[in-house]
Amino acid sequence: MRLLPHPAKEDIQLTEVLRALADPVRLEIVVRLATLGEMTCTAAGDHLGVHKSTASHHYRALREAGVIVSKQEGRLKYISLRRGDLDERFPGLLDSVLSASHAPA
């Protein structure tokens, strides 16, 4: 298993997290991870309506912002939500964002 580069917990910046979560596709990825837990990139990208390379761009943006962690096992890449790190850095933020993402417009 190989972890892809991501910021240390203490280096996660609120502005970068919010910027990453502002995109509807990335928000949908985060909602899926919060609901289903760790997933392969292929499974997380199913039904997003974007090309595989675009999905990869979104995974990278989330990882670089500190929202997800990516690891590679063989040919598969797995992503998971950094819920513990985010809750510790910004208490209540993720719950508020997830709650708001399910609210009617």
N, C-alpha and C. Protein backbone atom coordinates (compact mmCIF):
# COMPACT_ATOMS: atom_id res chain seq x y z
N MET A 1 0.84 -1.18 0.00
CA MET A 1 0.00 0.00 0.00
C MET A 1 0.89 1.24 0.00
N ARG A 2 0.48 2.21 -0.80
CA ARG A 2 1.23 3.46 -0.90
C ARG A 2 0.25 4.62 -0.74
N LEU A 3 0.53 5.48 0.25
CA LEU A 3 -0.29 6.68 0.43
C LEU A 3 0.17 7.75 -0.54
N LEU A 4 -0.78 8.41 -1.17
CA LEU A 4 -0.45 9.54 -2.04
C LEU A 4 -0.26 10.77 -1.17
N PRO A 5 0.51 11.76 -1.62
CA PRO A 5 0.79 12.94 -0.79
C PRO A 5 -0.49 13.71 -0.44
N HIS A 6 -0.58 14.08 0.81
CA HIS A 6 -1.69 14.90 1.29
C HIS A 6 -1.18 15.71 2.47
N PRO A 7 -1.85 16.83 2.79
CA PRO A 7 -1.34 17.68 3.87
C PRO A 7 -1.48 17.01 5.24
N ALA A 8 -0.55 17.30 6.11
CA ALA A 8 -0.66 16.86 7.50
C ALA A 8 -1.87 17.54 8.13
N LYS A 9 -2.43 16.91 9.15
CA LYS A 9 -3.63 17.44 9.79
C LYS A 9 -3.48 18.91 10.16
N GLU A 10 -2.36 19.26 10.76
CA GLU A 10 -2.17 20.64 11.21
C GLU A 10 -2.00 21.63 10.05
N ASP A 11 -1.76 21.14 8.85
CA ASP A 11 -1.59 22.01 7.69
C ASP A 11 -2.87 22.19 6.87
N ILE A 12 -3.94 21.53 7.26
CA ILE A 12 -5.21 21.68 6.53
C ILE A 12 -5.76 23.08 6.80
N GLN A 13 -6.05 23.80 5.73
CA GLN A 13 -6.52 25.18 5.82
C GLN A 13 -8.02 25.26 5.51
N LEU A 14 -8.74 26.00 6.30
CA LEU A 14 -10.19 26.14 6.14
C LEU A 14 -10.55 26.65 4.75
N THR A 15 -9.82 27.63 4.25
CA THR A 15 -10.14 28.19 2.93
C THR A 15 -10.01 27.13 1.84
N GLU A 16 -9.01 26.27 1.95
CA GLU A 16 -8.81 25.22 0.94
C GLU A 16 -9.90 24.16 1.03
N VAL A 17 -10.30 23.80 2.24
CA VAL A 17 -11.38 22.83 2.43
C VAL A 17 -12.67 23.38 1.83
N LEU A 18 -13.00 24.63 2.15
CA LEU A 18 -14.23 25.23 1.64
C LEU A 18 -14.19 25.37 0.12
N ARG A 19 -13.04 25.72 -0.42
CA ARG A 19 -12.90 25.82 -1.88
C ARG A 19 -13.14 24.46 -2.53
N ALA A 20 -12.60 23.42 -1.95
CA ALA A 20 -12.79 22.07 -2.50
C ALA A 20 -14.25 21.64 -2.41
N LEU A 21 -14.90 21.95 -1.30
CA LEU A 21 -16.29 21.53 -1.10
C LEU A 21 -17.29 22.38 -1.87
N ALA A 22 -16.85 23.51 -2.41
CA ALA A 22 -17.76 24.41 -3.14
C ALA A 22 -18.18 23.84 -4.49
N ASP A 23 -17.43 22.90 -5.01
CA ASP A 23 -17.76 22.30 -6.31
C ASP A 23 -18.80 21.20 -6.11
N PRO A 24 -19.90 21.21 -6.87
CA PRO A 24 -20.96 20.21 -6.68
C PRO A 24 -20.51 18.77 -6.88
N VAL A 25 -19.61 18.53 -7.81
CA VAL A 25 -19.12 17.16 -8.04
C VAL A 25 -18.30 16.69 -6.85
N ARG A 26 -17.42 17.56 -6.36
CA ARG A 26 -16.61 17.18 -5.20
C ARG A 26 -17.47 17.01 -3.96
N LEU A 27 -18.46 17.84 -3.81
CA LEU A 27 -19.37 17.69 -2.68
C LEU A 27 -20.09 16.34 -2.75
N GLU A 28 -20.51 15.94 -3.93
CA GLU A 28 -21.17 14.64 -4.10
C GLU A 28 -20.21 13.50 -3.73
N ILE A 29 -18.96 13.61 -4.10
CA ILE A 29 -17.96 12.59 -3.73
C ILE A 29 -17.86 12.50 -2.21
N VAL A 30 -17.80 13.64 -1.54
CA VAL A 30 -17.69 13.67 -0.08
C VAL A 30 -18.94 13.07 0.57
N VAL A 31 -20.10 13.38 0.03
CA VAL A 31 -21.35 12.80 0.56
C VAL A 31 -21.32 11.28 0.43
N ARG A 32 -20.88 10.78 -0.71
CA ARG A 32 -20.79 9.33 -0.91
C ARG A 32 -19.81 8.69 0.07
N LEU A 33 -18.67 9.33 0.27
CA LEU A 33 -17.68 8.78 1.20
C LEU A 33 -18.19 8.81 2.62
N ALA A 34 -18.91 9.87 2.99
CA ALA A 34 -19.46 9.97 4.34
C ALA A 34 -20.51 8.89 4.57
N THR A 35 -21.25 8.55 3.53
CA THR A 35 -22.31 7.57 3.63
C THR A 35 -21.80 6.13 3.53
N LEU A 36 -20.91 5.89 2.57
CA LEU A 36 -20.49 4.52 2.25
C LEU A 36 -19.12 4.13 2.78
N GLY A 37 -18.32 5.10 3.19
CA GLY A 37 -16.97 4.79 3.66
C GLY A 37 -15.98 4.68 2.51
N GLU A 38 -14.85 4.08 2.78
CA GLU A 38 -13.78 3.97 1.80
C GLU A 38 -14.27 3.30 0.52
N MET A 39 -13.82 3.83 -0.61
CA MET A 39 -14.23 3.32 -1.91
C MET A 39 -13.05 3.36 -2.88
N THR A 40 -13.14 2.57 -3.92
CA THR A 40 -12.19 2.73 -5.01
C THR A 40 -12.57 3.99 -5.77
N CYS A 41 -11.62 4.56 -6.45
CA CYS A 41 -11.91 5.75 -7.24
C CYS A 41 -12.97 5.44 -8.30
N THR A 42 -12.92 4.25 -8.87
CA THR A 42 -13.89 3.86 -9.89
C THR A 42 -15.29 3.85 -9.30
N ALA A 43 -15.46 3.24 -8.14
CA ALA A 43 -16.79 3.17 -7.51
C ALA A 43 -17.26 4.57 -7.10
N ALA A 44 -16.37 5.38 -6.58
CA ALA A 44 -16.75 6.74 -6.15
C ALA A 44 -17.16 7.58 -7.35
N GLY A 45 -16.57 7.32 -8.51
CA GLY A 45 -16.86 8.11 -9.70
C GLY A 45 -18.09 7.67 -10.47
N ASP A 46 -18.62 6.48 -10.15
CA ASP A 46 -19.81 6.00 -10.83
C ASP A 46 -20.96 6.97 -10.65
N HIS A 47 -21.66 7.24 -11.72
CA HIS A 47 -22.88 8.07 -11.72
C HIS A 47 -22.62 9.54 -11.39
N LEU A 48 -21.38 10.00 -11.50
CA LEU A 48 -21.11 11.42 -11.29
C LEU A 48 -21.39 12.24 -12.55
N GLY A 49 -21.40 11.57 -13.68
CA GLY A 49 -21.65 12.27 -14.93
C GLY A 49 -20.46 13.04 -15.46
N VAL A 50 -19.25 12.64 -15.03
CA VAL A 50 -18.03 13.29 -15.53
C VAL A 50 -17.09 12.22 -16.07
N HIS A 51 -16.21 12.63 -16.95
CA HIS A 51 -15.22 11.74 -17.53
C HIS A 51 -14.24 11.29 -16.45
N LYS A 52 -13.61 10.16 -16.65
CA LYS A 52 -12.67 9.60 -15.67
C LYS A 52 -11.54 10.58 -15.33
N SER A 53 -11.02 11.28 -16.33
CA SER A 53 -9.93 12.23 -16.06
C SER A 53 -10.43 13.42 -15.24
N THR A 54 -11.67 13.82 -15.45
CA THR A 54 -12.26 14.91 -14.65
C THR A 54 -12.46 14.46 -13.21
N ALA A 55 -12.92 13.22 -13.03
CA ALA A 55 -13.07 12.68 -11.68
C ALA A 55 -11.72 12.65 -10.97
N SER A 56 -10.67 12.25 -11.69
CA SER A 56 -9.32 12.24 -11.10
C SER A 56 -8.91 13.63 -10.65
N HIS A 57 -9.24 14.63 -11.43
CA HIS A 57 -8.94 16.02 -11.05
C HIS A 57 -9.65 16.36 -9.74
N HIS A 58 -10.91 15.97 -9.61
CA HIS A 58 -11.66 16.25 -8.39
C HIS A 58 -11.07 15.52 -7.18
N TYR A 59 -10.65 14.26 -7.37
CA TYR A 59 -10.03 13.51 -6.26
C TYR A 59 -8.76 14.22 -5.81
N ARG A 60 -7.98 14.67 -6.78
CA ARG A 60 -6.73 15.36 -6.43
C ARG A 60 -7.01 16.66 -5.67
N ALA A 61 -7.99 17.42 -6.11
CA ALA A 61 -8.34 18.68 -5.43
C ALA A 61 -8.77 18.40 -3.99
N LEU A 62 -9.57 17.37 -3.79
CA LEU A 62 -10.01 17.01 -2.44
C LEU A 62 -8.84 16.54 -1.58
N ARG A 63 -7.95 15.75 -2.17
CA ARG A 63 -6.79 15.25 -1.44
C ARG A 63 -5.85 16.38 -1.06
N GLU A 64 -5.56 17.27 -1.99
CA GLU A 64 -4.64 18.38 -1.72
C GLU A 64 -5.22 19.36 -0.70
N ALA A 65 -6.54 19.45 -0.62
CA ALA A 65 -7.18 20.32 0.37
C ALA A 65 -7.22 19.66 1.74
N GLY A 66 -6.96 18.36 1.81
CA GLY A 66 -6.98 17.65 3.08
C GLY A 66 -8.33 17.04 3.43
N VAL A 67 -9.23 16.97 2.46
CA VAL A 67 -10.57 16.44 2.70
C VAL A 67 -10.58 14.92 2.64
N ILE A 68 -9.80 14.34 1.73
CA ILE A 68 -9.75 12.89 1.59
C ILE A 68 -8.30 12.44 1.67
N VAL A 69 -8.14 11.15 1.90
CA VAL A 69 -6.82 10.52 1.81
C VAL A 69 -6.93 9.46 0.72
N SER A 70 -5.89 9.36 -0.10
CA SER A 70 -5.84 8.39 -1.19
C SER A 70 -4.71 7.42 -0.94
N LYS A 71 -5.00 6.16 -1.20
CA LYS A 71 -3.94 5.16 -1.10
C LYS A 71 -4.04 4.24 -2.30
N GLN A 72 -2.91 3.72 -2.70
CA GLN A 72 -2.87 2.83 -3.84
C GLN A 72 -2.47 1.44 -3.38
N GLU A 73 -3.26 0.46 -3.78
CA GLU A 73 -2.96 -0.95 -3.52
C GLU A 73 -2.96 -1.66 -4.87
N GLY A 74 -1.77 -2.00 -5.34
CA GLY A 74 -1.67 -2.59 -6.67
C GLY A 74 -2.12 -1.58 -7.71
N ARG A 75 -3.09 -1.99 -8.52
CA ARG A 75 -3.59 -1.10 -9.57
C ARG A 75 -4.80 -0.29 -9.12
N LEU A 76 -5.29 -0.54 -7.93
CA LEU A 76 -6.48 0.16 -7.45
C LEU A 76 -6.11 1.32 -6.53
N LYS A 77 -6.84 2.40 -6.68
CA LYS A 77 -6.70 3.54 -5.77
C LYS A 77 -7.96 3.61 -4.92
N TYR A 78 -7.76 3.79 -3.63
CA TYR A 78 -8.86 3.90 -2.68
C TYR A 78 -8.86 5.30 -2.10
N ILE A 79 -10.05 5.83 -1.87
CA ILE A 79 -10.17 7.13 -1.23
C ILE A 79 -11.08 6.99 -0.02
N SER A 80 -10.77 7.79 0.99
CA SER A 80 -11.62 7.83 2.18
C SER A 80 -11.61 9.25 2.74
N LEU A 81 -12.67 9.57 3.43
CA LEU A 81 -12.85 10.88 4.02
C LEU A 81 -11.97 11.02 5.26
N ARG A 82 -11.34 12.15 5.42
CA ARG A 82 -10.51 12.42 6.60
C ARG A 82 -11.39 13.03 7.69
N ARG A 83 -12.45 12.34 8.02
CA ARG A 83 -13.45 12.87 8.95
C ARG A 83 -12.84 13.22 10.31
N GLY A 84 -12.05 12.33 10.87
CA GLY A 84 -11.45 12.60 12.17
C GLY A 84 -10.57 13.84 12.16
N ASP A 85 -9.73 13.96 11.14
CA ASP A 85 -8.85 15.12 11.04
C ASP A 85 -9.65 16.40 10.84
N LEU A 86 -10.67 16.34 9.98
CA LEU A 86 -11.48 17.54 9.73
C LEU A 86 -12.28 17.93 10.96
N ASP A 87 -12.84 16.93 11.66
CA ASP A 87 -13.61 17.24 12.87
C ASP A 87 -12.72 17.83 13.96
N GLU A 88 -11.49 17.37 14.02
CA GLU A 88 -10.57 17.90 15.03
C GLU A 88 -10.14 19.33 14.69
N ARG A 89 -9.86 19.57 13.40
CA ARG A 89 -9.41 20.90 12.97
C ARG A 89 -10.54 21.92 12.98
N PHE A 90 -11.71 21.50 12.48
CA PHE A 90 -12.85 22.41 12.30
C PHE A 90 -14.11 21.73 12.83
N PRO A 91 -14.29 21.69 14.14
CA PRO A 91 -15.43 20.97 14.74
C PRO A 91 -16.78 21.41 14.16
N GLY A 92 -17.55 20.44 13.73
CA GLY A 92 -18.89 20.70 13.22
C GLY A 92 -18.98 21.10 11.77
N LEU A 93 -17.85 21.44 11.14
CA LEU A 93 -17.88 21.91 9.76
C LEU A 93 -18.43 20.83 8.81
N LEU A 94 -17.85 19.65 8.87
CA LEU A 94 -18.25 18.60 7.95
C LEU A 94 -19.71 18.21 8.15
N ASP A 95 -20.14 18.09 9.40
CA ASP A 95 -21.54 17.76 9.67
C ASP A 95 -22.46 18.83 9.10
N SER A 96 -22.09 20.09 9.23
CA SER A 96 -22.91 21.19 8.71
C SER A 96 -22.98 21.14 7.18
N VAL A 97 -21.85 20.89 6.54
CA VAL A 97 -21.82 20.83 5.08
C VAL A 97 -22.63 19.64 4.58
N LEU A 98 -22.47 18.50 5.23
CA LEU A 98 -23.23 17.31 4.81
C LEU A 98 -24.72 17.51 5.04
N SER A 99 -25.08 18.11 6.14
CA SER A 99 -26.48 18.38 6.43
C SER A 99 -27.07 19.35 5.42
N ALA A 100 -26.34 20.39 5.10
CA ALA A 100 -26.82 21.38 4.14
C ALA A 100 -26.92 20.80 2.72
N SER A 101 -26.07 19.82 2.41
CA SER A 101 -26.10 19.25 1.07
C SER A 101 -27.36 18.40 0.86
N HIS A 102 -28.02 18.00 1.91
CA HIS A 102 -29.25 17.20 1.81
C HIS A 102 -30.51 18.03 1.98
N ALA A 103 -30.34 19.30 2.29
CA ALA A 103 -31.50 20.17 2.51
C ALA A 103 -32.12 20.55 1.17
N PRO A 104 -33.44 20.68 1.12
CA PRO A 104 -34.07 21.11 -0.14
C PRO A 104 -33.68 22.55 -0.48
N ALA A 105 -33.54 22.80 -1.74
CA ALA A 105 -33.11 24.14 -2.20
C ALA A 105 -34.23 25.15 -2.10
